[in-house]
């Protein structure tokens, strides 16, 4: 199993508060530049395409305001993983083609300076202690009212709803995986309010215990947990 580490250089230390929109736009531009066919497969506007990838950012010294994120260095990193190894290879090749190109953002710009491959050991245990690298977003969608309810680690229904989100995710991907023994338990969980695609929504960070079969856990390690994974949520790492 592998993940990619992308290192970006910035023009200034101020970046937009809606960094998720900037980076999703960057991902789309990266794939469109590499392969119009893959772009159509992943980002066709006429259909809702569920992604198997997730990502998280590391923002040095970040301070958040309503309109900006203030860093203490003119750089940041992005970690990217994909449960589809073939797709991950294509993303790697696409990122390589974007190296050193200036990509504009509001009153700033960024350049991809390095793309590194990091080997991740296969998960060998059915019970893990994990740390969220980006906020875990858990939601229940009401199709009748077209409304969403969000659950955090402070809610009694949290574990049940994470599992329900997982069931729906696998169902939409037409993947048959046993989730009967999946569970998630907060150990040092923290409720946060996170900016997600222009909205402030409740999420969870911190440390959790999860259980499940090896196939499922290895899949989730690469694909992420919860919803909004492809826009920078739900990435996690194994502590032990």
Protein backbone atom coordinates (compact mmCIF):
# COMPACT_ATOMS: atom_id res chain seq x y z
CA UNK A 1 0.00 0.00 0.00
CA UNK A 2 1.27 3.48 -0.88
CA UNK A 3 0.34 7.09 -0.37
CA UNK A 4 1.65 10.24 -2.04
CA UNK A 5 3.12 13.27 -0.33
CA UNK A 6 2.88 16.50 -2.30
CA UNK A 7 5.03 19.48 -1.29
CA UNK A 8 3.83 22.93 -2.35
CA UNK A 9 5.65 26.28 -2.36
CA UNK A 10 3.54 29.41 -1.83
CA UNK A 11 3.99 32.99 -2.96
CA UNK A 12 2.79 34.37 0.39
CA UNK A 13 1.83 32.92 3.79
CA UNK A 14 -1.88 33.79 3.41
CA UNK A 15 -4.12 31.21 1.75
CA UNK A 16 -7.91 31.15 1.25
CA UNK A 17 -10.08 29.84 4.08
CA UNK A 18 -11.80 27.62 1.52
CA UNK A 19 -8.60 25.75 0.75
CA UNK A 20 -10.61 22.60 0.04
CA UNK A 21 -12.12 24.25 -3.04
CA UNK A 22 -8.68 25.34 -4.25
CA UNK A 23 -7.23 21.86 -3.89
CA UNK A 24 -10.20 20.10 -5.49
CA UNK A 25 -9.84 22.53 -8.39
CA UNK A 26 -6.12 21.68 -8.52
CA UNK A 27 -6.88 17.93 -8.58
CA UNK A 28 -9.33 18.42 -11.44
CA UNK A 29 -6.86 20.55 -13.41
CA UNK A 30 -4.16 17.96 -12.78
CA UNK A 31 -6.24 15.09 -14.16
CA UNK A 32 -7.63 17.11 -17.08
CA UNK A 33 -4.06 18.01 -18.08
CA UNK A 34 -3.02 14.35 -17.85
CA UNK A 35 -5.97 12.46 -19.34
CA UNK A 36 -9.30 13.87 -20.57
CA UNK A 37 -10.69 10.32 -20.45
CA UNK A 38 -9.80 9.90 -16.77
CA UNK A 39 -11.16 13.39 -16.07
CA UNK A 40 -14.47 12.38 -17.63
CA UNK A 41 -14.50 9.18 -15.59
CA UNK A 42 -13.87 10.96 -12.28
CA UNK A 43 -15.49 14.37 -12.70
CA UNK A 44 -18.35 14.08 -15.21
CA UNK A 45 -20.75 16.87 -14.24
CA UNK A 46 -23.77 14.89 -15.40
CA UNK A 47 -23.37 12.17 -12.78
CA UNK A 48 -22.45 11.93 -9.12
CA UNK A 49 -19.26 9.87 -9.06
CA UNK A 50 -18.15 8.44 -5.73
CA UNK A 51 -14.39 8.58 -5.32
CA UNK A 52 -12.12 5.97 -3.71
CA UNK A 53 -9.49 8.51 -2.71
CA UNK A 54 -8.95 10.85 0.21
CA UNK A 55 -6.42 13.48 1.20
CA UNK A 56 -5.30 15.70 4.04
CA UNK A 57 -3.13 18.80 4.38
CA UNK A 58 -0.41 19.80 6.81
CA UNK A 59 -0.44 23.57 7.26
CA UNK A 60 2.56 24.84 9.28
CA UNK A 61 1.58 27.16 12.14
CA UNK A 62 -1.93 27.62 10.75
CA UNK A 63 -4.18 30.32 12.22
CA UNK A 64 -7.71 30.42 10.89
CA UNK A 65 -9.76 33.56 10.26
CA UNK A 66 -13.12 33.91 8.54
CA UNK A 67 -11.56 34.63 5.15
CA UNK A 68 -7.96 33.40 5.36
CA UNK A 69 -5.61 30.81 6.76
CA UNK A 70 -2.37 32.36 8.01
CA UNK A 71 0.74 30.17 7.93
CA UNK A 72 4.18 30.76 9.41
CA UNK A 73 5.94 29.40 6.32
CA UNK A 74 5.42 29.77 2.59
CA UNK A 75 4.78 26.10 2.07
CA UNK A 76 2.38 23.26 2.90
CA UNK A 77 2.04 19.55 2.20
CA UNK A 78 -0.81 17.35 1.03
CA UNK A 79 -1.05 13.60 1.60
CA UNK A 80 -3.08 11.67 -0.98
CA UNK A 81 -4.19 8.03 -0.94
CA UNK A 82 -6.45 5.95 -3.17
CA UNK A 83 -7.96 2.49 -2.62
CA UNK A 84 -7.69 1.89 -6.38
CA UNK A 85 -3.96 1.25 -6.93
CA UNK A 86 -4.24 1.74 -10.69
CA UNK A 87 -5.91 5.09 -10.15
CA UNK A 88 -3.23 6.06 -7.61
CA UNK A 89 -0.52 5.40 -10.21
CA UNK A 90 -2.36 7.60 -12.70
CA UNK A 91 -2.63 10.38 -10.11
CA UNK A 92 1.11 10.06 -9.47
CA UNK A 93 1.88 10.43 -13.17
CA UNK A 94 -0.52 13.36 -13.40
CA UNK A 95 1.07 15.12 -10.41
CA UNK A 96 4.52 14.73 -11.98
CA UNK A 97 3.31 16.66 -15.03
CA UNK A 98 2.17 19.52 -12.74
CA UNK A 99 5.52 19.97 -11.01
CA UNK A 100 6.85 23.55 -10.93
CA UNK A 101 3.77 24.97 -12.64
CA UNK A 102 2.26 28.05 -11.00
CA UNK A 103 -1.32 27.48 -9.88
CA UNK A 104 -3.22 30.61 -8.88
CA UNK A 105 -5.39 31.03 -5.84
CA UNK A 106 -6.99 34.16 -4.38
CA UNK A 107 -4.19 36.76 -3.97
CA UNK A 108 -1.60 33.99 -3.87
CA UNK A 109 -0.23 31.13 -5.95
CA UNK A 110 1.24 27.70 -5.31
CA UNK A 111 3.71 25.44 -7.09
CA UNK A 112 4.03 21.70 -6.69
CA UNK A 113 7.72 21.19 -5.91
CA UNK A 114 7.92 17.49 -5.05
CA UNK A 115 5.87 14.29 -5.26
CA UNK A 116 7.05 11.52 -2.95
CA UNK A 117 5.82 7.94 -2.66
CA UNK A 118 5.49 6.61 0.87
CA UNK A 119 5.08 2.90 1.53
CA UNK A 120 2.40 2.06 4.10
CA UNK A 121 2.58 -1.38 5.74
CA UNK A 122 -0.45 -3.59 5.19
CA UNK A 123 -2.75 -3.72 8.21
CA UNK A 124 -2.33 -7.04 10.01
CA UNK A 125 -4.61 -6.55 13.04
CA UNK A 126 -8.39 -6.52 13.28
CA UNK A 127 -8.30 -3.97 16.10
CA UNK A 128 -6.44 -0.67 15.65
CA UNK A 129 -5.81 2.61 17.40
CA UNK A 130 -5.99 5.36 14.80
CA UNK A 131 -5.60 9.12 14.58
CA UNK A 132 -7.61 11.29 12.22
CA UNK A 133 -5.44 13.28 9.83
CA UNK A 134 -8.43 15.26 8.62
CA UNK A 135 -11.86 15.72 10.17
CA UNK A 136 -14.25 12.77 10.13
CA UNK A 137 -17.59 13.94 8.72
CA UNK A 138 -20.55 11.70 9.53
CA UNK A 139 -23.97 12.62 8.21
CA UNK A 140 -27.49 11.38 7.72
CA UNK A 141 -29.16 12.71 4.60
CA UNK A 142 -32.92 13.24 4.49
CA UNK A 143 -33.85 12.92 0.83
CA UNK A 144 -37.42 14.08 1.44
CA UNK A 145 -36.43 17.41 2.97
CA UNK A 146 -33.03 17.49 1.22
CA UNK A 147 -31.37 18.18 4.56
CA UNK A 148 -28.37 16.80 6.42
CA UNK A 149 -27.81 15.98 10.08
CA UNK A 150 -24.22 15.67 11.24
CA UNK A 151 -22.95 13.42 14.03
CA UNK A 152 -19.74 13.77 16.04
CA UNK A 153 -17.83 11.68 18.56
CA UNK A 154 -19.91 13.32 21.28
CA UNK A 155 -23.16 11.80 20.01
CA UNK A 156 -24.44 8.43 21.22
CA UNK A 157 -25.31 7.44 17.64
CA UNK A 158 -21.78 8.22 16.38
CA UNK A 159 -20.52 4.64 15.95
CA UNK A 160 -23.79 3.47 14.44
CA UNK A 161 -23.84 6.34 11.93
CA UNK A 162 -20.19 5.86 10.88
CA UNK A 163 -21.10 2.24 10.11
CA UNK A 164 -24.21 3.32 8.21
CA UNK A 165 -22.17 5.80 6.15
CA UNK A 166 -19.76 2.95 5.42
CA UNK A 167 -22.58 0.64 4.33
CA UNK A 168 -23.93 3.26 1.92
CA UNK A 169 -20.43 3.99 0.58
CA UNK A 170 -19.74 0.33 -0.24
CA UNK A 171 -23.22 -0.17 -1.66
CA UNK A 172 -22.80 2.74 -4.09
CA UNK A 173 -19.45 1.35 -5.19
CA UNK A 174 -20.98 -2.12 -5.65
CA UNK A 175 -18.33 -3.55 -3.34
CA UNK A 176 -19.22 -6.59 -1.27
CA UNK A 177 -17.32 -6.38 2.00
CA UNK A 178 -18.26 -7.76 5.39
CA UNK A 179 -18.85 -4.87 7.80
CA UNK A 180 -20.55 -6.90 10.54
CA UNK A 181 -17.52 -6.65 12.81
CA UNK A 182 -16.76 -2.99 12.05
CA UNK A 183 -16.89 -0.58 14.98
CA UNK A 184 -15.41 2.75 15.96
CA UNK A 185 -15.00 4.00 19.53
CA UNK A 186 -13.72 7.46 20.55
CA UNK A 187 -10.71 7.31 22.90
CA UNK A 188 -9.59 10.94 22.76
CA UNK A 189 -12.11 12.27 20.30
CA UNK A 190 -12.76 15.98 19.84
CA UNK A 191 -15.70 17.71 18.22
CA UNK A 192 -14.71 20.42 15.74
CA UNK A 193 -16.46 22.79 13.40
CA UNK A 194 -14.84 22.48 10.00
CA UNK A 195 -15.25 24.44 6.81
CA UNK A 196 -16.53 22.02 4.19
CA UNK A 197 -17.28 23.23 0.70
CA UNK A 198 -18.36 26.68 1.84
CA UNK A 199 -20.32 25.49 4.86
CA UNK A 200 -19.41 25.11 8.52
CA UNK A 201 -20.26 21.57 9.64
CA UNK A 202 -19.62 19.48 12.73
CA UNK A 203 -16.84 16.92 12.52
CA UNK A 204 -14.51 14.86 14.72
CA UNK A 205 -10.75 14.63 15.11
CA UNK A 206 -8.55 12.84 17.63
CA UNK A 207 -7.85 9.22 18.48
CA UNK A 208 -10.20 6.24 18.04
CA UNK A 209 -10.30 2.48 18.27
CA UNK A 210 -11.64 0.73 15.19
CA UNK A 211 -12.30 -2.93 14.51
CA UNK A 212 -13.00 -4.85 11.32
CA UNK A 213 -11.70 -7.53 9.01
CA UNK A 214 -8.34 -6.98 7.31
CA UNK A 215 -9.76 -6.46 3.82
CA UNK A 216 -12.09 -3.75 5.06
CA UNK A 217 -9.53 -1.94 7.22
CA UNK A 218 -6.92 -1.88 4.46
CA UNK A 219 -9.52 -0.51 2.06
CA UNK A 220 -10.58 2.21 4.52
CA UNK A 221 -6.96 3.14 5.24
CA UNK A 222 -6.64 4.17 1.59
CA UNK A 223 -10.18 5.41 0.91
CA UNK A 224 -10.88 7.21 4.20
CA UNK A 225 -13.78 7.15 6.64
CA UNK A 226 -17.12 8.94 6.62
CA UNK A 227 -18.35 11.36 3.97
CA UNK A 228 -16.69 14.20 2.05
CA UNK A 229 -13.52 12.10 1.74
CA UNK A 230 -12.62 13.30 -1.75
CA UNK A 231 -12.68 16.93 -0.63
CA UNK A 232 -10.15 16.46 2.14
CA UNK A 233 -11.99 14.74 4.99
CA UNK A 234 -11.82 11.35 6.68
CA UNK A 235 -8.14 10.47 6.27
CA UNK A 236 -6.56 8.52 9.14
CA UNK A 237 -3.35 6.79 10.16
CA UNK A 238 -2.58 3.83 12.40
CA UNK A 239 -0.93 4.66 15.71
CA UNK A 240 -0.80 1.03 16.88
